[in-house]
């Protein structure tokens, strides 16, 4: 789960970012509050074992911008 995502990030920008910098994905899901506003968090499931750890090392405590 990535929690420092900018509120303008969308599924497609996150898919592109992680597929090009980490590896193939199974699924990306954005998290929303009860009003439908982004919580600034997403669940990213990678196709290959070990890619989650690679993404954590590369993006931990970094803001992921949606632009």
Protein backbone atom coordinates (compact mmCIF):
# COMPACT_ATOMS: atom_id res chain seq x y z
CA UNK A 1 0.00 0.00 0.00
CA UNK A 2 1.27 3.45 -0.92
CA UNK A 3 0.07 6.31 1.23
CA UNK A 4 2.00 9.35 0.08
CA UNK A 5 0.28 9.63 -3.24
CA UNK A 6 -0.79 13.04 -4.45
CA UNK A 7 -4.55 13.49 -4.53
CA UNK A 8 -4.49 14.07 -8.30
CA UNK A 9 -2.88 10.70 -9.05
CA UNK A 10 -5.15 8.30 -10.91
CA UNK A 11 -5.04 4.57 -11.57
CA UNK A 12 -3.53 5.02 -15.04
CA UNK A 13 -0.68 7.27 -13.88
CA UNK A 14 0.14 4.86 -11.04
CA UNK A 15 0.04 1.87 -13.40
CA UNK A 16 2.39 3.62 -15.81
CA UNK A 17 4.77 4.68 -13.05
CA UNK A 18 5.07 1.27 -11.39
CA UNK A 19 5.12 -0.77 -14.60
CA UNK A 20 7.93 1.33 -16.07
CA UNK A 21 10.04 1.67 -12.92
CA UNK A 22 9.35 -1.55 -10.98
CA UNK A 23 7.65 -4.31 -12.98
CA UNK A 24 4.42 -5.87 -14.23
CA UNK A 25 1.27 -5.34 -12.18
CA UNK A 26 -1.72 -7.45 -11.26
CA UNK A 27 -3.89 -4.63 -9.90
CA UNK A 28 -3.92 -1.01 -8.74
CA UNK A 29 -6.73 0.21 -6.49
CA UNK A 30 -7.18 3.77 -5.24
CA UNK A 31 -8.72 4.34 -1.80
CA UNK A 32 -11.54 6.85 -1.29
CA UNK A 33 -13.37 8.21 1.74
CA UNK A 34 -17.13 8.02 2.26
CA UNK A 35 -17.60 11.22 0.22
CA UNK A 36 -15.71 9.83 -2.76
CA UNK A 37 -12.61 11.96 -2.20
CA UNK A 38 -9.19 10.38 -2.58
CA UNK A 39 -7.48 9.38 0.66
CA UNK A 40 -4.10 9.72 -1.05
CA UNK A 41 -3.48 5.99 -0.79
CA UNK A 42 -3.45 3.08 -3.22
CA UNK A 43 -2.98 -0.68 -3.12
CA UNK A 44 -0.57 -1.93 -5.77
CA UNK A 45 -0.25 -5.66 -6.44
CA UNK A 46 2.76 -6.76 -8.48
CA UNK A 47 2.89 -9.81 -10.75
CA UNK A 48 6.40 -10.86 -9.73
CA UNK A 49 7.55 -11.83 -6.28
CA UNK A 50 10.03 -9.30 -4.93
CA UNK A 51 8.74 -6.32 -6.91
CA UNK A 52 6.78 -5.07 -3.89
CA UNK A 53 10.02 -4.85 -1.93
CA UNK A 54 11.69 -3.09 -4.85
CA UNK A 55 8.85 -0.54 -5.00
CA UNK A 56 9.03 -0.02 -1.24
CA UNK A 57 12.77 0.70 -1.39
CA UNK A 58 12.32 3.07 -4.32
CA UNK A 59 9.21 4.97 -3.20
CA UNK A 60 9.00 4.74 0.61
CA UNK A 61 8.30 8.22 2.09
CA UNK A 62 8.18 9.86 -1.36
CA UNK A 63 5.21 11.80 -2.73
CA UNK A 64 3.92 10.23 -5.91
CA UNK A 65 2.53 12.98 -8.12
CA UNK A 66 -0.28 12.32 -10.55
CA UNK A 67 0.99 14.70 -13.22
